[in-house]
Amino acid sequence: MLPFIFSVALSSQGKIPSQNGEQFLYLATLFCVTFMIYSLGELIIKSRRGKKSVAFYNATIVSCVVTILALVGVYLYQNNIANVKDTVLNHTQKYQRTKANKNSRQDNTSRRTIAKMVMRHAAKGLEKQGFVSIPSQNILLPIYNDAYSDKGLNAGADYANRSEVDPEGQQKPIMGQGNYGLAGHNFNDGHTGFSALQESANHDSPYLSQGRLKGSSWLNGQTVLLANQQGIYQYVISGQTTVPLTQISILNPQKNAQLTIISCLFPSTEYRIITHAKLHKIYTWSQAPAKYVSEFNLKIRDTNARANWWNPGVEEGANGDKGGTK
């Protein structure tokens, strides 16, 4: 029963959105190609009957070729063929981070105000625990208290606390102590939710190879920041592993302070990517380095909880209500 509960709770982490998006793309492509082939046939017949249509015919041919090339480009990007999507996302993330860092240096929002924005109750019916930031991946998400419902997962990240020793999740996790579990959507877009934690969009490798579950070290050494009313908790990623969706032992209590982030693998959604991080240091808001405080300035930084085509809503960051200051 426990594995079933866990699988149902986290099975919504991107599976349906990905399938819907891909189906829409395939149907749209099929419709466009069919329509263009039909139109070309009609134009060829008409052009042979009258030379006056030749110029229009040539222009239409060029337009159709351009459209087909655009559709091919969309297909290559969507399916990340030849790592096209990874390359585009990498450049986009660098540009967005450079822009946000520049705006941050010009902003004078106080630490006290930033702390208040972090703990603002922005989602009705959910209890906020704070925020999570993974700067290298442009991840900035609110942390709520329900990883076992669509409502919680659609609002951002959520703490996950149902383990073998606590199947009902009675113990509320505490930042900076024990095994702090987080779960969030992977929308397979390299951006929304925890999508950016997968090494290569829409590719099972290196997490699943020839039927064998493996891990990845591509994020090792990167910083993960958690924030609540007390301050900022700096974790450092130590690796990624892959587990079946029914494996709940990953959330079992641990003596050493660590962070366990759960997100889906795509396209093999029956598996989970587990990102492990170890606690490095705890800061109060007044003690924390300015660069870490800046990561939670919602007036400047975009949050990435929502995919408009799946769970539309207001972001809490600069791309939404700016931490309630807009």
C-alpha atoms as a PDB file:
ATOM      1  CA  MET A   1       0.000   0.000   0.000  1.00  0.00           C
ATOM      2  CA  LEU A   2       2.791   2.450   0.818  1.00  0.00           C
ATOM      3  CA  PRO A   3       4.443   2.250  -2.613  1.00  0.00           C
ATOM      4  CA  PHE A   4       1.029   2.788  -4.207  1.00  0.00           C
ATOM      5  CA  ILE A   5       0.397   5.913  -2.136  1.00  0.00           C
ATOM      6  CA  PHE A   6       3.788   7.298  -3.045  1.00  0.00           C
ATOM      7  CA  SER A   7       3.385   6.564  -6.756  1.00  0.00           C
ATOM      8  CA  VAL A   8      -0.026   8.213  -6.941  1.00  0.00           C
ATOM      9  CA  ALA A   9       1.147  11.217  -4.977  1.00  0.00           C
ATOM     10  CA  LEU A  10       4.058  12.004  -7.243  1.00  0.00           C
ATOM     11  CA  SER A  11       2.855  10.571 -10.553  1.00  0.00           C
ATOM     12  CA  SER A  12       1.505  13.967 -11.600  1.00  0.00           C
ATOM     13  CA  GLN A  13       4.983  15.476 -11.732  1.00  0.00           C
ATOM     14  CA  GLY A  14       4.887  16.320 -15.403  1.00  0.00           C
ATOM     15  CA  LYS A  15       3.573  13.113 -16.984  1.00  0.00           C
ATOM     16  CA  ILE A  16       0.265  14.459 -18.235  1.00  0.00           C
ATOM     17  CA  PRO A  17       1.577  17.912 -19.283  1.00  0.00           C
ATOM     18  CA  SER A  18       4.346  16.365 -21.382  1.00  0.00           C
ATOM     19  CA  GLN A  19       2.019  13.977 -23.167  1.00  0.00           C
ATOM     20  CA  ASN A  20      -0.553  16.672 -23.869  1.00  0.00           C
ATOM     21  CA  GLY A  21       2.082  19.042 -25.229  1.00  0.00           C
ATOM     22  CA  GLU A  22       3.623  16.442 -27.519  1.00  0.00           C
ATOM     23  CA  GLN A  23       0.233  15.266 -28.817  1.00  0.00           C
ATOM     24  CA  PHE A  24      -0.757  18.838 -29.616  1.00  0.00           C
ATOM     25  CA  LEU A  25       2.507  19.408 -31.492  1.00  0.00           C
ATOM     26  CA  TYR A  26       2.156  16.210 -33.506  1.00  0.00           C
ATOM     27  CA  LEU A  27      -1.468  16.947 -34.445  1.00  0.00           C
ATOM     28  CA  ALA A  28      -0.660  20.539 -35.386  1.00  0.00           C
ATOM     29  CA  THR A  29       2.279  19.410 -37.523  1.00  0.00           C
ATOM     30  CA  LEU A  30       0.211  16.730 -39.250  1.00  0.00           C
ATOM     31  CA  PHE A  31      -2.555  19.211 -40.003  1.00  0.00           C
ATOM     32  CA  CYS A  32      -0.161  21.826 -41.402  1.00  0.00           C
ATOM     33  CA  VAL A  33       1.729  19.369 -43.577  1.00  0.00           C
ATOM     34  CA  THR A  34      -1.494  17.830 -44.928  1.00  0.00           C
ATOM     35  CA  PHE A  35      -2.915  21.264 -45.676  1.00  0.00           C
ATOM     36  CA  MET A  36       0.257  22.394 -47.445  1.00  0.00           C
ATOM     37  CA  ILE A  37       0.430  19.267 -49.606  1.00  0.00           C
ATOM     38  CA  TYR A  38      -3.178  19.751 -50.644  1.00  0.00           C
ATOM     39  CA  SER A  39      -2.615  23.453 -51.374  1.00  0.00           C
ATOM     40  CA  LEU A  40       0.504  22.714 -53.409  1.00  0.00           C
ATOM     41  CA  GLY A  41      -1.388  20.219 -55.516  1.00  0.00           C
ATOM     42  CA  GLU A  42      -4.134  22.710 -56.220  1.00  0.00           C
ATOM     43  CA  LEU A  43      -1.649  25.448 -57.105  1.00  0.00           C
ATOM     44  CA  ILE A  44       0.306  23.197 -59.457  1.00  0.00           C
ATOM     45  CA  ILE A  45      -2.866  22.311 -61.339  1.00  0.00           C
ATOM     46  CA  LYS A  46      -3.960  25.934 -61.575  1.00  0.00           C
ATOM     47  CA  SER A  47      -0.506  27.177 -62.588  1.00  0.00           C
ATOM     48  CA  ARG A  48      -0.409  24.779 -65.513  1.00  0.00           C
ATOM     49  CA  ARG A  49      -3.704  26.147 -66.763  1.00  0.00           C
ATOM     50  CA  GLY A  50      -2.596  29.776 -66.717  1.00  0.00           C
ATOM     51  CA  LYS A  51       0.854  31.379 -66.708  1.00  0.00           C
ATOM     52  CA  LYS A  52      -0.495  34.393 -64.850  1.00  0.00           C
ATOM     53  CA  SER A  53      -0.463  32.285 -61.671  1.00  0.00           C
ATOM     54  CA  VAL A  54       3.252  31.426 -61.872  1.00  0.00           C
ATOM     55  CA  ALA A  55       4.459  34.312 -59.647  1.00  0.00           C
ATOM     56  CA  PHE A  56       1.870  33.533 -57.007  1.00  0.00           C
ATOM     57  CA  TYR A  57       2.720  29.843 -57.301  1.00  0.00           C
ATOM     58  CA  ASN A  58       6.440  30.492 -56.737  1.00  0.00           C
ATOM     59  CA  ALA A  59       5.746  32.680 -53.720  1.00  0.00           C
ATOM     60  CA  THR A  60       3.519  30.020 -52.236  1.00  0.00           C
ATOM     61  CA  ILE A  61       6.172  27.340 -52.789  1.00  0.00           C
ATOM     62  CA  VAL A  62       8.730  29.436 -50.904  1.00  0.00           C
ATOM     63  CA  SER A  63       6.269  30.060 -48.072  1.00  0.00           C
ATOM     64  CA  CYS A  64       5.503  26.350 -47.804  1.00  0.00           C
ATOM     65  CA  VAL A  65       9.190  25.431 -47.734  1.00  0.00           C
ATOM     66  CA  VAL A  66       9.843  27.986 -44.994  1.00  0.00           C
ATOM     67  CA  THR A  67       6.870  26.681 -43.012  1.00  0.00           C
ATOM     68  CA  ILE A  68       8.034  23.076 -43.331  1.00  0.00           C
ATOM     69  CA  LEU A  69      11.532  24.041 -42.189  1.00  0.00           C
ATOM     70  CA  ALA A  70      10.025  25.867 -39.201  1.00  0.00           C
ATOM     71  CA  LEU A  71       7.976  22.792 -38.289  1.00  0.00           C
ATOM     72  CA  VAL A  72      11.064  20.609 -38.571  1.00  0.00           C
ATOM     73  CA  GLY A  73      12.894  23.032 -36.278  1.00  0.00           C
ATOM     74  CA  VAL A  74      10.070  22.850 -33.729  1.00  0.00           C
ATOM     75  CA  TYR A  75      10.128  19.056 -33.902  1.00  0.00           C
ATOM     76  CA  LEU A  76      13.909  18.938 -33.386  1.00  0.00           C
ATOM     77  CA  TYR A  77      13.612  21.322 -30.431  1.00  0.00           C
ATOM     78  CA  GLN A  78      10.638  19.595 -28.805  1.00  0.00           C
ATOM     79  CA  ASN A  79      12.297  16.176 -28.976  1.00  0.00           C
ATOM     80  CA  ASN A  80      15.778  17.534 -28.251  1.00  0.00           C
ATOM     81  CA  ILE A  81      17.247  15.820 -31.292  1.00  0.00           C
ATOM     82  CA  ALA A  82      21.006  16.422 -31.549  1.00  0.00           C
ATOM     83  CA  ASN A  83      20.658  18.263 -28.201  1.00  0.00           C
ATOM     84  CA  VAL A  84      19.097  21.278 -29.928  1.00  0.00           C
ATOM     85  CA  LYS A  85      16.845  22.037 -26.969  1.00  0.00           C
ATOM     86  CA  ASP A  86      19.680  21.720 -24.442  1.00  0.00           C
ATOM     87  CA  THR A  87      21.797  24.197 -26.412  1.00  0.00           C
ATOM     88  CA  VAL A  88      19.003  26.756 -26.712  1.00  0.00           C
ATOM     89  CA  LEU A  89      18.070  26.443 -23.035  1.00  0.00           C
ATOM     90  CA  ASN A  90      21.669  26.822 -21.922  1.00  0.00           C
ATOM     91  CA  HIS A  91      22.083  30.122 -23.786  1.00  0.00           C
ATOM     92  CA  THR A  92      18.664  31.337 -22.611  1.00  0.00           C
ATOM     93  CA  GLN A  93      19.450  30.584 -18.965  1.00  0.00           C
ATOM     94  CA  LYS A  94      22.775  32.411 -19.150  1.00  0.00           C
ATOM     95  CA  TYR A  95      21.113  35.478 -20.654  1.00  0.00           C
ATOM     96  CA  GLN A  96      18.322  35.504 -18.056  1.00  0.00           C
ATOM     97  CA  ARG A  97      20.779  35.100 -15.165  1.00  0.00           C
ATOM     98  CA  THR A  98      23.045  37.875 -16.437  1.00  0.00           C
ATOM     99  CA  LYS A  99      20.064  40.211 -16.796  1.00  0.00           C
ATOM    100  CA  ALA A 100      18.682  39.370 -13.323  1.00  0.00           C
ATOM    101  CA  ASN A 101      22.095  39.804 -11.681  1.00  0.00           C
ATOM    102  CA  LYS A 102      22.469  43.216 -13.295  1.00  0.00           C
ATOM    103  CA  ASN A 103      19.037  44.325 -12.072  1.00  0.00           C
ATOM    104  CA  SER A 104      19.820  42.991  -8.624  1.00  0.00           C
ATOM    105  CA  ARG A 105      22.956  45.105  -8.311  1.00  0.00           C
ATOM    106  CA  GLN A 106      20.867  48.195  -9.015  1.00  0.00           C
ATOM    107  CA  ASP A 107      18.132  47.295  -6.504  1.00  0.00           C
ATOM    108  CA  ASN A 108      18.090  48.425  -2.868  1.00  0.00           C
ATOM    109  CA  THR A 109      15.338  46.228  -1.425  1.00  0.00           C
ATOM    110  CA  SER A 110      16.103  45.528   2.232  1.00  0.00           C
ATOM    111  CA  ARG A 111      16.812  42.075   3.633  1.00  0.00           C
ATOM    112  CA  ARG A 112      13.812  42.414   5.906  1.00  0.00           C
ATOM    113  CA  THR A 113      11.509  43.058   2.960  1.00  0.00           C
ATOM    114  CA  ILE A 114      12.941  40.092   1.029  1.00  0.00           C
ATOM    115  CA  ALA A 115      12.387  37.825   4.044  1.00  0.00           C
ATOM    116  CA  LYS A 116       8.760  38.948   4.237  1.00  0.00           C
ATOM    117  CA  MET A 117       8.222  38.256   0.527  1.00  0.00           C
ATOM    118  CA  VAL A 118       9.649  34.752   0.988  1.00  0.00           C
ATOM    119  CA  MET A 119       7.136  33.899   3.708  1.00  0.00           C
ATOM    120  CA  ARG A 120       4.109  35.678   2.221  1.00  0.00           C
ATOM    121  CA  HIS A 121       1.063  33.402   2.010  1.00  0.00           C
ATOM    122  CA  ALA A 122       0.281  33.544  -1.695  1.00  0.00           C
ATOM    123  CA  ALA A 123      -1.653  30.274  -2.164  1.00  0.00           C
ATOM    124  CA  LYS A 124      -4.945  29.731  -0.370  1.00  0.00           C
ATOM    125  CA  GLY A 125      -5.310  26.436   1.438  1.00  0.00           C
ATOM    126  CA  LEU A 126      -1.575  25.748   1.515  1.00  0.00           C
ATOM    127  CA  GLU A 127       0.989  26.369   4.234  1.00  0.00           C
ATOM    128  CA  LYS A 128       4.203  27.973   3.057  1.00  0.00           C
ATOM    129  CA  GLN A 129       7.531  26.792   4.420  1.00  0.00           C
ATOM    130  CA  GLY A 130       9.680  29.185   2.425  1.00  0.00           C
ATOM    131  CA  PHE A 131      11.525  29.143  -0.906  1.00  0.00           C
ATOM    132  CA  VAL A 132      14.094  27.066  -2.754  1.00  0.00           C
ATOM    133  CA  SER A 133      16.671  28.523  -5.125  1.00  0.00           C
ATOM    134  CA  ILE A 134      19.130  26.662  -7.356  1.00  0.00           C
ATOM    135  CA  PRO A 135      20.958  29.591  -8.981  1.00  0.00           C
ATOM    136  CA  SER A 136      22.890  27.626 -11.619  1.00  0.00           C
ATOM    137  CA  GLN A 137      19.624  26.251 -13.027  1.00  0.00           C
ATOM    138  CA  ASN A 138      17.526  29.429 -12.676  1.00  0.00           C
ATOM    139  CA  ILE A 139      15.209  27.603 -10.285  1.00  0.00           C
ATOM    140  CA  LEU A 140      13.262  29.712  -7.783  1.00  0.00           C
ATOM    141  CA  LEU A 141      10.163  28.121  -6.278  1.00  0.00           C
ATOM    142  CA  PRO A 142       7.946  28.615  -3.232  1.00  0.00           C
ATOM    143  CA  ILE A 143       7.848  25.630  -0.887  1.00  0.00           C
ATOM    144  CA  TYR A 144       4.427  24.504   0.305  1.00  0.00           C
ATOM    145  CA  ASN A 145       3.241  21.641   2.482  1.00  0.00           C
ATOM    146  CA  ASP A 146       1.485  19.226   0.106  1.00  0.00           C
ATOM    147  CA  ALA A 147       3.571  17.153  -2.308  1.00  0.00           C
ATOM    148  CA  TYR A 148       0.744  14.635  -2.445  1.00  0.00           C
ATOM    149  CA  SER A 149      -1.823  16.659  -4.388  1.00  0.00           C
ATOM    150  CA  ASP A 150      -2.036  18.497  -7.681  1.00  0.00           C
ATOM    151  CA  LYS A 151      -2.918  21.683  -5.816  1.00  0.00           C
ATOM    152  CA  GLY A 152       0.356  21.679  -3.924  1.00  0.00           C
ATOM    153  CA  LEU A 153       2.548  20.625  -6.844  1.00  0.00           C
ATOM    154  CA  ASN A 154       0.963  23.150  -9.205  1.00  0.00           C
ATOM    155  CA  ALA A 155       1.752  25.967  -6.762  1.00  0.00           C
ATOM    156  CA  GLY A 156       5.485  25.231  -6.659  1.00  0.00           C
ATOM    157  CA  ALA A 157       7.740  22.854  -4.766  1.00  0.00           C
ATOM    158  CA  ASP A 158       6.451  21.014  -1.699  1.00  0.00           C
ATOM    159  CA  TYR A 159       8.047  19.179   1.157  1.00  0.00           C
ATOM    160  CA  ALA A 160       7.689  15.411   0.838  1.00  0.00           C
ATOM    161  CA  ASN A 161       7.718  13.513   4.124  1.00  0.00           C
ATOM    162  CA  ARG A 162       5.997  10.148   3.690  1.00  0.00           C
ATOM    163  CA  SER A 163       8.626   7.498   4.281  1.00  0.00           C
ATOM    164  CA  GLU A 164       8.850   3.866   5.356  1.00  0.00           C
ATOM    165  CA  VAL A 165       8.958   4.902   9.015  1.00  0.00           C
ATOM    166  CA  ASP A 166       6.363   7.698   8.670  1.00  0.00           C
ATOM    167  CA  PRO A 167       3.871   6.543   5.999  1.00  0.00           C
ATOM    168  CA  GLU A 168       1.310   9.206   6.879  1.00  0.00           C
ATOM    169  CA  GLY A 169       3.789  12.075   6.915  1.00  0.00           C
ATOM    170  CA  GLN A 170       3.046  13.113  10.491  1.00  0.00           C
ATOM    171  CA  GLN A 171       6.466  14.632  11.091  1.00  0.00           C
ATOM    172  CA  LYS A 172       6.896  18.067   9.551  1.00  0.00           C
ATOM    173  CA  PRO A 173      10.396  18.430   8.072  1.00  0.00           C
ATOM    174  CA  ILE A 174      12.626  21.225   9.307  1.00  0.00           C
ATOM    175  CA  MET A 175      15.098  23.055   7.087  1.00  0.00           C
ATOM    176  CA  GLY A 176      18.674  22.410   8.069  1.00  0.00           C
ATOM    177  CA  GLN A 177      17.816  19.228   9.986  1.00  0.00           C
ATOM    178  CA  GLY A 178      17.700  15.560   9.025  1.00  0.00           C
ATOM    179  CA  ASN A 179      16.481  14.459   5.618  1.00  0.00           C
ATOM    180  CA  TYR A 180      14.512  17.373   4.142  1.00  0.00           C
ATOM    181  CA  GLY A 181      12.514  16.107   1.152  1.00  0.00           C
ATOM    182  CA  LEU A 182      11.279  18.297  -1.708  1.00  0.00           C
ATOM    183  CA  ALA A 183       9.128  17.317  -4.669  1.00  0.00           C
ATOM    184  CA  GLY A 184       8.149  19.320  -7.726  1.00  0.00           C
ATOM    185  CA  HIS A 185       6.929  19.048 -11.291  1.00  0.00           C
ATOM    186  CA  ASN A 186       9.194  18.214 -14.206  1.00  0.00           C
ATOM    187  CA  PHE A 187       7.411  19.677 -17.220  1.00  0.00           C
ATOM    188  CA  ASN A 188      10.106  18.453 -19.626  1.00  0.00           C
ATOM    189  CA  ASP A 189      10.726  22.010 -20.803  1.00  0.00           C
ATOM    190  CA  GLY A 190      14.079  22.584 -19.109  1.00  0.00           C
ATOM    191  CA  HIS A 191      12.674  25.508 -17.147  1.00  0.00           C
ATOM    192  CA  THR A 192       9.405  25.105 -15.249  1.00  0.00           C
ATOM    193  CA  GLY A 193       9.433  23.547 -11.793  1.00  0.00           C
ATOM    194  CA  PHE A 194      12.341  21.149 -11.346  1.00  0.00           C
ATOM    195  CA  SER A 195      12.649  20.482 -15.105  1.00  0.00           C
ATOM    196  CA  ALA A 196      16.160  21.958 -15.193  1.00  0.00           C
ATOM    197  CA  LEU A 197      17.457  19.231 -12.870  1.00  0.00           C
ATOM    198  CA  GLN A 198      17.328  16.668 -15.692  1.00  0.00           C
ATOM    199  CA  GLU A 199      20.661  16.602 -17.486  1.00  0.00           C
ATOM    200  CA  SER A 200      19.236  16.417 -20.999  1.00  0.00           C
ATOM    201  CA  ALA A 201      15.620  17.268 -21.806  1.00  0.00           C
ATOM    202  CA  ASN A 202      13.489  14.406 -23.121  1.00  0.00           C
ATOM    203  CA  HIS A 203      16.406  11.936 -22.868  1.00  0.00           C
ATOM    204  CA  ASP A 204      16.462   9.100 -20.335  1.00  0.00           C
ATOM    205  CA  SER A 205      20.238   8.968 -20.533  1.00  0.00           C
ATOM    206  CA  PRO A 206      22.298   8.987 -18.348  1.00  0.00           C
ATOM    207  CA  TYR A 207      19.721   8.086 -15.703  1.00  0.00           C
ATOM    208  CA  LEU A 208      18.425   5.017 -17.529  1.00  0.00           C
ATOM    209  CA  SER A 209      20.720   3.088 -19.866  1.00  0.00           C
ATOM    210  CA  GLN A 210      19.991  -0.331 -21.385  1.00  0.00           C
ATOM    211  CA  GLY A 211      17.362  -0.967 -18.743  1.00  0.00           C
ATOM    212  CA  ARG A 212      19.706  -0.172 -15.866  1.00  0.00           C
ATOM    213  CA  LEU A 213      19.153   2.679 -13.417  1.00  0.00           C
ATOM    214  CA  LYS A 214      22.152   4.960 -13.065  1.00  0.00           C
ATOM    215  CA  GLY A 215      22.949   8.408 -11.741  1.00  0.00           C
ATOM    216  CA  SER A 216      24.628  11.625 -12.788  1.00  0.00           C
ATOM    217  CA  SER A 217      27.253  13.961 -11.386  1.00  0.00           C
ATOM    218  CA  TRP A 218      26.585  16.872 -13.759  1.00  0.00           C
ATOM    219  CA  LEU A 219      25.338  19.153 -10.946  1.00  0.00           C
ATOM    220  CA  ASN A 220      27.870  18.145  -8.316  1.00  0.00           C
ATOM    221  CA  GLY A 221      29.178  21.106  -6.343  1.00  0.00           C
ATOM    222  CA  GLN A 222      26.277  23.396  -7.287  1.00  0.00           C
ATOM    223  CA  THR A 223      24.563  25.334  -4.510  1.00  0.00           C
ATOM    224  CA  VAL A 224      20.974  24.849  -3.400  1.00  0.00           C
ATOM    225  CA  LEU A 225      19.502  27.509  -1.111  1.00  0.00           C
ATOM    226  CA  LEU A 226      16.479  27.110   1.129  1.00  0.00           C
ATOM    227  CA  ALA A 227      14.992  30.120   2.880  1.00  0.00           C
ATOM    228  CA  ASN A 228      12.419  30.638   5.619  1.00  0.00           C
ATOM    229  CA  GLN A 229      11.693  33.218   8.307  1.00  0.00           C
ATOM    230  CA  GLN A 230      14.830  32.247  10.244  1.00  0.00           C
ATOM    231  CA  GLY A 231      17.310  32.609   7.417  1.00  0.00           C
ATOM    232  CA  ILE A 232      19.039  30.864   4.511  1.00  0.00           C
ATOM    233  CA  TYR A 233      20.310  27.284   4.389  1.00  0.00           C
ATOM    234  CA  GLN A 234      23.092  26.495   1.948  1.00  0.00           C
ATOM    235  CA  TYR A 235      23.283  22.955   0.607  1.00  0.00           C
ATOM    236  CA  VAL A 236      25.752  21.583  -1.937  1.00  0.00           C
ATOM    237  CA  ILE A 237      24.697  18.959  -4.491  1.00  0.00           C
ATOM    238  CA  SER A 238      26.585  15.679  -4.108  1.00  0.00           C
ATOM    239  CA  GLY A 239      25.011  13.680  -6.944  1.00  0.00           C
ATOM    240  CA  GLN A 240      21.880  12.322  -8.587  1.00  0.00           C
ATOM    241  CA  THR A 241      20.438   8.822  -8.509  1.00  0.00           C
ATOM    242  CA  THR A 242      17.460   7.203 -10.206  1.00  0.00           C
ATOM    243  CA  VAL A 243      14.773   5.153  -8.471  1.00  0.00           C
ATOM    244  CA  PRO A 244      11.400   3.579  -9.316  1.00  0.00           C
ATOM    245  CA  LEU A 245       8.449   5.792  -8.447  1.00  0.00           C
ATOM    246  CA  THR A 246       7.442   3.358  -5.671  1.00  0.00           C
ATOM    247  CA  GLN A 247      10.672   3.671  -3.681  1.00  0.00           C
ATOM    248  CA  ILE A 248       9.861   5.717  -0.585  1.00  0.00           C
ATOM    249  CA  SER A 249      12.942   4.781   1.432  1.00  0.00           C
ATOM    250  CA  ILE A 250      14.713   7.817  -0.039  1.00  0.00           C
ATOM    251  CA  LEU A 251      12.737   9.938   2.440  1.00  0.00           C
ATOM    252  CA  ASN A 252      13.663   7.892   5.509  1.00  0.00           C
ATOM    253  CA  PRO A 253      15.082   9.942   8.418  1.00  0.00           C
ATOM    254  CA  GLN A 254      18.830  10.561   8.429  1.00  0.00           C
ATOM    255  CA  LYS A 255      21.130  11.782  11.190  1.00  0.00           C
ATOM    256  CA  ASN A 256      23.110  14.126   8.974  1.00  0.00           C
ATOM    257  CA  ALA A 257      21.383  17.183   7.545  1.00  0.00           C
ATOM    258  CA  GLN A 258      20.700  16.652   3.854  1.00  0.00           C
ATOM    259  CA  LEU A 259      18.318  17.601   1.075  1.00  0.00           C
ATOM    260  CA  THR A 260      16.482  15.101  -1.143  1.00  0.00           C
ATOM    261  CA  ILE A 261      14.820  16.569  -4.252  1.00  0.00           C
ATOM    262  CA  ILE A 262      12.371  14.362  -6.166  1.00  0.00           C
ATOM    263  CA  SER A 263      11.442  14.993  -9.799  1.00  0.00           C
ATOM    264  CA  CYS A 264      10.288  12.876 -12.743  1.00  0.00           C
ATOM    265  CA  LEU A 265      12.474  11.391 -15.440  1.00  0.00           C
ATOM    266  CA  PHE A 266      11.385  11.894 -19.063  1.00  0.00           C
ATOM    267  CA  PRO A 267      10.320  10.174 -21.180  1.00  0.00           C
ATOM    268  CA  SER A 268      10.387   7.150 -18.811  1.00  0.00           C
ATOM    269  CA  THR A 269       8.042   8.691 -16.250  1.00  0.00           C
ATOM    270  CA  GLU A 270       7.884   5.550 -14.105  1.00  0.00           C
ATOM    271  CA  TYR A 271      11.230   6.587 -12.606  1.00  0.00           C
ATOM    272  CA  ARG A 272      12.308   9.476 -10.403  1.00  0.00           C
ATOM    273  CA  ILE A 273      15.464  11.568 -10.485  1.00  0.00           C
ATOM    274  CA  ILE A 274      16.718  12.056  -6.937  1.00  0.00           C
ATOM    275  CA  THR A 275      19.013  15.041  -6.463  1.00  0.00           C
ATOM    276  CA  HIS A 276      21.050  14.734  -3.260  1.00  0.00           C
ATOM    277  CA  ALA A 277      22.609  17.664  -1.417  1.00  0.00           C
ATOM    278  CA  LYS A 278      24.428  18.063   1.886  1.00  0.00           C
ATOM    279  CA  LEU A 279      24.008  20.944   4.301  1.00  0.00           C
ATOM    280  CA  HIS A 280      26.992  23.271   4.138  1.00  0.00           C
ATOM    281  CA  LYS A 281      26.088  26.308   6.232  1.00  0.00           C
ATOM    282  CA  ILE A 282      23.193  28.100   7.921  1.00  0.00           C
ATOM    283  CA  TYR A 283      22.850  31.898   7.874  1.00  0.00           C
ATOM    284  CA  THR A 284      20.476  34.315   9.535  1.00  0.00           C
ATOM    285  CA  TRP A 285      19.063  36.935   7.174  1.00  0.00           C
ATOM    286  CA  SER A 286      21.423  39.541   8.594  1.00  0.00           C
ATOM    287  CA  GLN A 287      24.487  37.288   8.295  1.00  0.00           C
ATOM    288  CA  ALA A 288      23.869  35.784   4.865  1.00  0.00           C
ATOM    289  CA  PRO A 289      26.096  36.869   1.958  1.00  0.00           C
ATOM    290  CA  ALA A 290      24.413  39.525  -0.172  1.00  0.00           C
ATOM    291  CA  LYS A 291      24.532  37.270  -3.250  1.00  0.00           C
ATOM    292  CA  TYR A 292      22.456  34.626  -1.465  1.00  0.00           C
ATOM    293  CA  VAL A 293      19.914  37.135  -0.154  1.00  0.00           C
ATOM    294  CA  SER A 294      19.611  38.510  -3.679  1.00  0.00           C
ATOM    295  CA  GLU A 295      18.518  35.104  -4.993  1.00  0.00           C
ATOM    296  CA  PHE A 296      15.241  35.519  -3.085  1.00  0.00           C
ATOM    297  CA  ASN A 297      14.496  39.097  -4.139  1.00  0.00           C
ATOM    298  CA  LEU A 298      11.141  38.465  -5.797  1.00  0.00           C
ATOM    299  CA  LYS A 299      11.011  42.020  -7.149  1.00  0.00           C
ATOM    300  CA  ILE A 300      13.969  41.150  -9.389  1.00  0.00           C
ATOM    301  CA  ARG A 301      14.033  37.362  -9.812  1.00  0.00           C
ATOM    302  CA  ASP A 302      11.547  35.372 -11.876  1.00  0.00           C
ATOM    303  CA  THR A 303       9.922  32.344 -10.269  1.00  0.00           C
ATOM    304  CA  ASN A 304       9.263  29.242 -12.359  1.00  0.00           C
ATOM    305  CA  ALA A 305       6.389  27.325 -10.764  1.00  0.00           C
ATOM    306  CA  ARG A 306       3.788  27.551 -13.503  1.00  0.00           C
ATOM    307  CA  ALA A 307       3.416  26.420 -17.087  1.00  0.00           C
ATOM    308  CA  ASN A 308       0.614  28.546 -18.506  1.00  0.00           C
ATOM    309  CA  TRP A 309      -0.697  25.791 -20.772  1.00  0.00           C
ATOM    310  CA  TRP A 310      -1.082  23.378 -17.848  1.00  0.00           C
ATOM    311  CA  ASN A 311      -1.468  25.214 -14.561  1.00  0.00           C
ATOM    312  CA  PRO A 312      -1.996  28.915 -15.269  1.00  0.00           C
ATOM    313  CA  GLY A 313      -1.729  31.320 -12.382  1.00  0.00           C
ATOM    314  CA  VAL A 314       0.219  34.235 -10.963  1.00  0.00           C
ATOM    315  CA  GLU A 315       3.933  33.724 -10.344  1.00  0.00           C
ATOM    316  CA  GLU A 316       5.332  35.133  -7.113  1.00  0.00           C
ATOM    317  CA  GLY A 317       8.435  36.597  -8.730  1.00  0.00           C
ATOM    318  CA  ALA A 318       9.239  39.516 -11.037  1.00  0.00           C
ATOM    319  CA  ASN A 319       7.291  37.728 -13.785  1.00  0.00           C
ATOM    320  CA  GLY A 320       4.180  37.853 -11.577  1.00  0.00           C
ATOM    321  CA  ASP A 321       3.150  39.947  -8.583  1.00  0.00           C
ATOM    322  CA  LYS A 322       6.735  40.639  -7.450  1.00  0.00           C
ATOM    323  CA  GLY A 323       6.374  39.150  -3.999  1.00  0.00           C
ATOM    324  CA  GLY A 324       3.151  41.025  -3.398  1.00  0.00           C
ATOM    325  CA  THR A 325       4.669  44.434  -4.118  1.00  0.00           C
ATOM    326  CA  LYS A 326       3.089  44.862  -7.559  1.00  0.00           C
END
